[in-house]
Structures are given as C-alpha cells and as structure tokens.
Amino acid sequence: MITFLQQSLLILLHTRNCPTINLSLSNCDNPVCKYRKLIVQHVFTCQDRFCNIPRCNISRFLLTHWRKCFDIQCDLCNPVKKFVRRYGLDFFVKSTPTWRVRYDESKRNAIIQIV
C-alpha cells in the first residue's frame, strides 16, 4: 500500500520528469501536474526553511531524500521504486538505483550541477 508521502513523492517525480515541460501546456493526464510544477520550480529556488508556500518544505524534503537515499530498505523510497517497476513507470523516474550506486554523492552532485 502506498502511503501519502510515497504518493506525494511519486507525483513529484512525475512532475519533475514530465515531458510536458511548458506550464502553459495542459497535455498531461495527471490533474495535479501543472500545480506541482509550480511547486517544484519554487522548491529549487527557495532557501527559506520556514517557507509559507504550501507544500514547499515537504516537497523539498521528499526530493532531497530521494536524491540522497542509498538505503535499499528505506520505508519511503523502496515501495516507490517497487511501484514504479511493477507498473512500468520507469520513464518518469530518471534517477535509478544503479545510477545512485555507481556514483558517490560528490560525483552525483557534480553531475546535477552540470545538468
């Protein structure tokens, strides 16, 4: 069973990697994608730990945790990875476990800075 946090993480991962990048396009079938794109854009620029924008802090936490998590037993990430694999949704989760294992955190951060 997918929890609320896991569902939120799935939506954020979809939003971050959705092929409908342009906010003015509403081609995406996910009803919350356009709204979450605004949140994701805000999260990447927000430095306020006590930000009042709805879902900013939890979204930042979830995306940061997903990017840095190496725990194959993680109660948050592991069910999300299984769900993605089970339903063939790999296309919207770019950061695969093999990519994370192959590069240590400093190399991952350097790659992220380039992208």
N, C-alpha and C. Protein backbone atom coordinates (compact mmCIF):
# COMPACT_ATOMS: atom_id res chain seq x y z
N MET A 1 0.84 -1.18 0.00
CA MET A 1 0.00 0.00 0.00
C MET A 1 0.89 1.25 0.00
N ILE A 2 0.55 2.18 -0.85
CA ILE A 2 1.31 3.42 -0.97
C ILE A 2 0.77 4.43 0.04
N THR A 3 1.67 4.99 0.84
CA THR A 3 1.26 5.98 1.84
C THR A 3 1.15 7.36 1.19
N PHE A 4 0.66 8.32 1.95
CA PHE A 4 0.52 9.68 1.46
C PHE A 4 1.87 10.26 1.03
N LEU A 5 2.91 10.06 1.84
CA LEU A 5 4.23 10.58 1.49
C LEU A 5 4.78 9.91 0.23
N GLN A 6 4.56 8.61 0.10
CA GLN A 6 5.03 7.90 -1.08
C GLN A 6 4.28 8.38 -2.32
N GLN A 7 2.97 8.60 -2.18
CA GLN A 7 2.18 9.11 -3.29
C GLN A 7 2.65 10.52 -3.67
N SER A 8 2.94 11.33 -2.68
CA SER A 8 3.45 12.68 -2.95
C SER A 8 4.79 12.61 -3.67
N LEU A 9 5.65 11.70 -3.25
CA LEU A 9 6.94 11.53 -3.91
C LEU A 9 6.75 11.09 -5.37
N LEU A 10 5.85 10.16 -5.61
CA LEU A 10 5.57 9.73 -6.98
C LEU A 10 5.10 10.90 -7.85
N ILE A 11 4.22 11.71 -7.30
CA ILE A 11 3.73 12.87 -8.06
C ILE A 11 4.86 13.85 -8.34
N LEU A 12 5.70 14.09 -7.34
CA LEU A 12 6.84 15.00 -7.54
C LEU A 12 7.81 14.46 -8.59
N LEU A 13 8.07 13.16 -8.56
CA LEU A 13 8.97 12.56 -9.54
C LEU A 13 8.37 12.67 -10.93
N HIS A 14 7.07 12.43 -11.04
CA HIS A 14 6.40 12.59 -12.33
C HIS A 14 6.54 14.04 -12.80
N THR A 15 6.22 14.95 -11.91
CA THR A 15 6.23 16.38 -12.25
C THR A 15 7.61 16.83 -12.71
N ARG A 16 8.62 16.38 -11.98
CA ARG A 16 10.00 16.77 -12.31
C ARG A 16 10.42 16.26 -13.68
N ASN A 17 9.90 15.12 -14.09
CA ASN A 17 10.32 14.49 -15.34
C ASN A 17 9.24 14.46 -16.41
N CYS A 18 8.14 15.14 -16.19
CA CYS A 18 7.03 15.14 -17.14
C CYS A 18 7.46 15.73 -18.47
N PRO A 19 7.13 15.05 -19.57
CA PRO A 19 7.52 15.58 -20.88
C PRO A 19 6.82 16.89 -21.23
N THR A 20 5.73 17.20 -20.55
CA THR A 20 5.03 18.46 -20.77
C THR A 20 5.68 19.51 -19.89
N ILE A 21 6.83 19.99 -20.31
CA ILE A 21 7.62 20.92 -19.51
C ILE A 21 6.96 22.29 -19.42
N ASN A 22 6.41 22.75 -20.52
CA ASN A 22 5.84 24.09 -20.58
C ASN A 22 4.58 24.15 -19.72
N LEU A 23 4.55 25.08 -18.78
CA LEU A 23 3.40 25.21 -17.88
C LEU A 23 2.13 25.61 -18.61
N SER A 24 2.25 26.26 -19.75
CA SER A 24 1.06 26.68 -20.48
C SER A 24 0.38 25.52 -21.18
N LEU A 25 1.11 24.43 -21.38
CA LEU A 25 0.50 23.25 -21.99
C LEU A 25 -0.19 22.42 -20.93
N SER A 26 -1.34 21.93 -21.25
CA SER A 26 -2.05 21.10 -20.28
C SER A 26 -2.30 19.72 -20.87
N ASN A 27 -1.31 19.19 -21.59
CA ASN A 27 -1.44 17.88 -22.23
C ASN A 27 -1.33 16.73 -21.25
N CYS A 28 -0.74 16.97 -20.10
CA CYS A 28 -0.51 15.89 -19.15
C CYS A 28 -1.83 15.41 -18.57
N ASP A 29 -1.96 14.09 -18.44
CA ASP A 29 -3.17 13.49 -17.89
C ASP A 29 -3.24 13.58 -16.37
N ASN A 30 -2.13 13.88 -15.74
CA ASN A 30 -2.10 13.97 -14.28
C ASN A 30 -2.71 15.31 -13.86
N PRO A 31 -3.83 15.28 -13.13
CA PRO A 31 -4.54 16.53 -12.81
C PRO A 31 -3.77 17.50 -11.92
N VAL A 32 -2.83 17.03 -11.15
CA VAL A 32 -2.09 17.92 -10.25
C VAL A 32 -0.71 18.30 -10.80
N CYS A 33 -0.38 17.81 -11.98
CA CYS A 33 0.96 18.02 -12.53
C CYS A 33 1.28 19.51 -12.71
N LYS A 34 0.37 20.26 -13.31
CA LYS A 34 0.64 21.68 -13.58
C LYS A 34 0.88 22.44 -12.27
N TYR A 35 0.05 22.19 -11.27
CA TYR A 35 0.21 22.85 -9.97
C TYR A 35 1.53 22.45 -9.32
N ARG A 36 1.84 21.16 -9.36
CA ARG A 36 3.07 20.68 -8.74
C ARG A 36 4.31 21.19 -9.47
N LYS A 37 4.20 21.46 -10.76
CA LYS A 37 5.35 22.03 -11.48
C LYS A 37 5.70 23.39 -10.90
N LEU A 38 4.69 24.16 -10.55
CA LEU A 38 4.94 25.45 -9.91
C LEU A 38 5.65 25.26 -8.58
N ILE A 39 5.22 24.26 -7.82
CA ILE A 39 5.84 23.97 -6.52
C ILE A 39 7.30 23.54 -6.73
N VAL A 40 7.53 22.63 -7.67
CA VAL A 40 8.89 22.14 -7.92
C VAL A 40 9.80 23.29 -8.35
N GLN A 41 9.33 24.15 -9.22
CA GLN A 41 10.13 25.31 -9.63
C GLN A 41 10.46 26.18 -8.42
N HIS A 42 9.48 26.38 -7.56
CA HIS A 42 9.70 27.18 -6.35
C HIS A 42 10.72 26.51 -5.43
N VAL A 43 10.57 25.21 -5.23
CA VAL A 43 11.45 24.46 -4.32
C VAL A 43 12.92 24.61 -4.72
N PHE A 44 13.20 24.57 -6.01
CA PHE A 44 14.59 24.64 -6.46
C PHE A 44 15.22 26.00 -6.24
N THR A 45 14.42 27.02 -6.00
CA THR A 45 14.97 28.35 -5.76
C THR A 45 14.79 28.82 -4.32
N CYS A 46 13.92 28.19 -3.57
CA CYS A 46 13.60 28.63 -2.21
C CYS A 46 14.71 28.25 -1.23
N GLN A 47 15.12 29.21 -0.42
CA GLN A 47 16.14 28.98 0.60
C GLN A 47 15.56 29.09 2.01
N ASP A 48 14.28 29.36 2.12
CA ASP A 48 13.62 29.60 3.40
C ASP A 48 13.20 28.28 4.06
N ARG A 49 13.82 27.95 5.18
CA ARG A 49 13.47 26.71 5.89
C ARG A 49 12.06 26.75 6.46
N PHE A 50 11.53 27.94 6.64
CA PHE A 50 10.19 28.09 7.20
C PHE A 50 9.24 28.72 6.18
N CYS A 51 9.41 28.37 4.94
CA CYS A 51 8.62 28.93 3.84
C CYS A 51 7.13 28.67 4.07
N ASN A 52 6.33 29.68 3.75
CA ASN A 52 4.88 29.58 3.93
C ASN A 52 4.14 29.09 2.69
N ILE A 53 4.86 28.88 1.61
CA ILE A 53 4.23 28.37 0.39
C ILE A 53 3.77 26.93 0.67
N PRO A 54 2.50 26.63 0.42
CA PRO A 54 2.00 25.27 0.70
C PRO A 54 2.82 24.20 -0.03
N ARG A 55 3.19 23.19 0.70
CA ARG A 55 3.91 22.01 0.21
C ARG A 55 5.36 22.26 -0.17
N CYS A 56 5.88 23.44 0.07
CA CYS A 56 7.28 23.72 -0.27
C CYS A 56 8.22 22.85 0.56
N ASN A 57 8.10 22.91 1.87
CA ASN A 57 9.04 22.19 2.74
C ASN A 57 8.96 20.68 2.58
N ILE A 58 7.76 20.14 2.52
CA ILE A 58 7.64 18.69 2.38
C ILE A 58 8.13 18.24 1.00
N SER A 59 7.88 19.04 -0.02
CA SER A 59 8.36 18.70 -1.36
C SER A 59 9.87 18.73 -1.41
N ARG A 60 10.47 19.74 -0.80
CA ARG A 60 11.94 19.82 -0.75
C ARG A 60 12.50 18.61 -0.01
N PHE A 61 11.89 18.28 1.13
CA PHE A 61 12.35 17.12 1.90
C PHE A 61 12.28 15.85 1.05
N LEU A 62 11.15 15.61 0.40
CA LEU A 62 10.96 14.38 -0.37
C LEU A 62 11.95 14.28 -1.53
N LEU A 63 12.11 15.36 -2.28
CA LEU A 63 13.03 15.33 -3.42
C LEU A 63 14.48 15.20 -2.98
N THR A 64 14.85 15.87 -1.90
CA THR A 64 16.21 15.76 -1.39
C THR A 64 16.47 14.36 -0.87
N HIS A 65 15.52 13.81 -0.13
CA HIS A 65 15.68 12.46 0.39
C HIS A 65 15.82 11.47 -0.77
N TRP A 66 14.97 11.57 -1.76
CA TRP A 66 15.01 10.66 -2.91
C TRP A 66 16.38 10.71 -3.59
N ARG A 67 16.91 11.90 -3.74
CA ARG A 67 18.20 12.08 -4.43
C ARG A 67 19.35 11.50 -3.62
N LYS A 68 19.28 11.56 -2.30
CA LYS A 68 20.41 11.15 -1.46
C LYS A 68 20.26 9.77 -0.83
N CYS A 69 19.12 9.15 -0.96
CA CYS A 69 18.86 7.89 -0.25
C CYS A 69 19.59 6.72 -0.91
N PHE A 70 20.34 5.99 -0.10
CA PHE A 70 21.02 4.78 -0.54
C PHE A 70 20.48 3.53 0.14
N ASP A 71 19.59 3.69 1.08
CA ASP A 71 19.09 2.59 1.89
C ASP A 71 18.11 1.73 1.09
N ILE A 72 18.52 0.50 0.77
CA ILE A 72 17.64 -0.37 -0.01
C ILE A 72 16.44 -0.84 0.80
N GLN A 73 16.45 -0.60 2.10
CA GLN A 73 15.34 -0.95 2.98
C GLN A 73 14.50 0.28 3.35
N CYS A 74 14.75 1.42 2.73
CA CYS A 74 14.08 2.67 3.09
C CYS A 74 12.56 2.52 2.98
N ASP A 75 11.87 2.87 4.05
CA ASP A 75 10.42 2.75 4.08
C ASP A 75 9.71 3.73 3.15
N LEU A 76 10.39 4.79 2.78
CA LEU A 76 9.80 5.76 1.86
C LEU A 76 10.12 5.40 0.40
N CYS A 77 11.39 5.23 0.10
CA CYS A 77 11.83 5.06 -1.29
C CYS A 77 11.60 3.66 -1.86
N ASN A 78 11.84 2.63 -1.07
CA ASN A 78 11.75 1.27 -1.58
C ASN A 78 10.36 0.94 -2.15
N PRO A 79 9.26 1.24 -1.44
CA PRO A 79 7.94 0.97 -2.03
C PRO A 79 7.68 1.78 -3.30
N VAL A 80 8.23 2.99 -3.37
CA VAL A 80 8.06 3.81 -4.58
C VAL A 80 8.80 3.15 -5.74
N LYS A 81 10.03 2.69 -5.51
CA LYS A 81 10.79 2.01 -6.56
C LYS A 81 10.06 0.76 -7.03
N LYS A 82 9.53 -0.02 -6.08
CA LYS A 82 8.79 -1.23 -6.45
C LYS A 82 7.54 -0.90 -7.25
N PHE A 83 6.82 0.13 -6.85
CA PHE A 83 5.62 0.56 -7.55
C PHE A 83 5.96 0.97 -8.98
N VAL A 84 7.03 1.74 -9.12
CA VAL A 84 7.46 2.21 -10.44
C VAL A 84 7.82 1.02 -11.33
N ARG A 85 8.58 0.07 -10.80
CA ARG A 85 8.96 -1.12 -11.57
C ARG A 85 7.74 -1.97 -11.91
N ARG A 86 6.87 -2.17 -10.94
CA ARG A 86 5.71 -3.04 -11.12
C ARG A 86 4.78 -2.55 -12.22
N TYR A 87 4.59 -1.25 -12.29
CA TYR A 87 3.65 -0.69 -13.26
C TYR A 87 4.35 -0.09 -14.48
N GLY A 88 5.64 -0.34 -14.63
CA GLY A 88 6.37 0.10 -15.82
C GLY A 88 6.43 1.61 -15.97
N LEU A 89 6.63 2.31 -14.87
CA LEU A 89 6.65 3.77 -14.89
C LEU A 89 8.07 4.33 -14.86
N ASP A 90 9.05 3.53 -15.26
CA ASP A 90 10.45 3.97 -15.21
C ASP A 90 10.71 5.24 -16.00
N PHE A 91 9.87 5.51 -16.99
CA PHE A 91 10.10 6.68 -17.83
C PHE A 91 10.02 8.00 -17.08
N PHE A 92 9.36 8.05 -15.92
CA PHE A 92 9.32 9.33 -15.21
C PHE A 92 10.16 9.35 -13.95
N VAL A 93 10.94 8.31 -13.73
CA VAL A 93 11.87 8.30 -12.61
C VAL A 93 13.27 8.13 -13.20
N LYS A 94 13.93 9.24 -13.44
CA LYS A 94 15.24 9.20 -14.11
C LYS A 94 16.35 8.69 -13.20
N SER A 95 16.25 8.97 -11.91
CA SER A 95 17.33 8.59 -11.00
C SER A 95 17.15 7.14 -10.56
N THR A 96 17.79 6.24 -11.26
CA THR A 96 17.65 4.83 -10.98
C THR A 96 18.62 4.40 -9.89
N PRO A 97 18.32 3.30 -9.20
CA PRO A 97 19.22 2.82 -8.15
C PRO A 97 20.63 2.54 -8.67
N THR A 98 20.77 2.03 -9.90
CA THR A 98 22.12 1.74 -10.41
C THR A 98 22.91 3.02 -10.58
N TRP A 99 22.28 4.08 -11.00
CA TRP A 99 22.96 5.37 -11.14
C TRP A 99 23.44 5.85 -9.79
N ARG A 100 22.61 5.68 -8.77
CA ARG A 100 22.99 6.12 -7.43
C ARG A 100 24.15 5.31 -6.87
N VAL A 101 24.15 4.03 -7.12
CA VAL A 101 25.20 3.17 -6.56
C VAL A 101 26.52 3.40 -7.29
N ARG A 102 26.46 3.62 -8.58
CA ARG A 102 27.67 3.77 -9.38
C ARG A 102 28.45 5.03 -9.05
N TYR A 103 27.76 6.09 -8.65
CA TYR A 103 28.42 7.36 -8.35
C TYR A 103 28.20 7.74 -6.90
N ASP A 104 29.28 8.15 -6.23
CA ASP A 104 29.12 8.59 -4.84
C ASP A 104 28.46 9.98 -4.84
N GLU A 105 28.15 10.47 -3.65
CA GLU A 105 27.38 11.71 -3.53
C GLU A 105 28.07 12.90 -4.18
N SER A 106 29.38 13.02 -4.04
CA SER A 106 30.08 14.16 -4.64
C SER A 106 30.00 14.13 -6.16
N LYS A 107 30.13 12.94 -6.75
CA LYS A 107 30.02 12.83 -8.20
C LYS A 107 28.59 13.12 -8.66
N ARG A 108 27.60 12.62 -7.91
CA ARG A 108 26.20 12.89 -8.26
C ARG A 108 25.92 14.39 -8.22
N ASN A 109 26.40 15.06 -7.18
CA ASN A 109 26.17 16.50 -7.06
C ASN A 109 26.84 17.26 -8.19
N ALA A 110 28.04 16.81 -8.59
CA ALA A 110 28.73 17.46 -9.71
C ALA A 110 27.94 17.28 -11.00
N ILE A 111 27.40 16.10 -11.21
CA ILE A 111 26.59 15.84 -12.40
C ILE A 111 25.32 16.68 -12.38
N ILE A 112 24.70 16.77 -11.23
CA ILE A 112 23.47 17.57 -11.10
C ILE A 112 23.76 19.03 -11.38
N GLN A 113 24.90 19.54 -10.92
CA GLN A 113 25.27 20.93 -11.19
C GLN A 113 25.43 21.18 -12.68
N ILE A 114 25.97 20.21 -13.40
CA ILE A 114 26.17 20.35 -14.84
C ILE A 114 24.83 20.39 -15.55
N VAL A 115 23.93 19.51 -15.14
CA VAL A 115 22.61 19.43 -15.75
C VAL A 115 21.82 20.61 -15.31
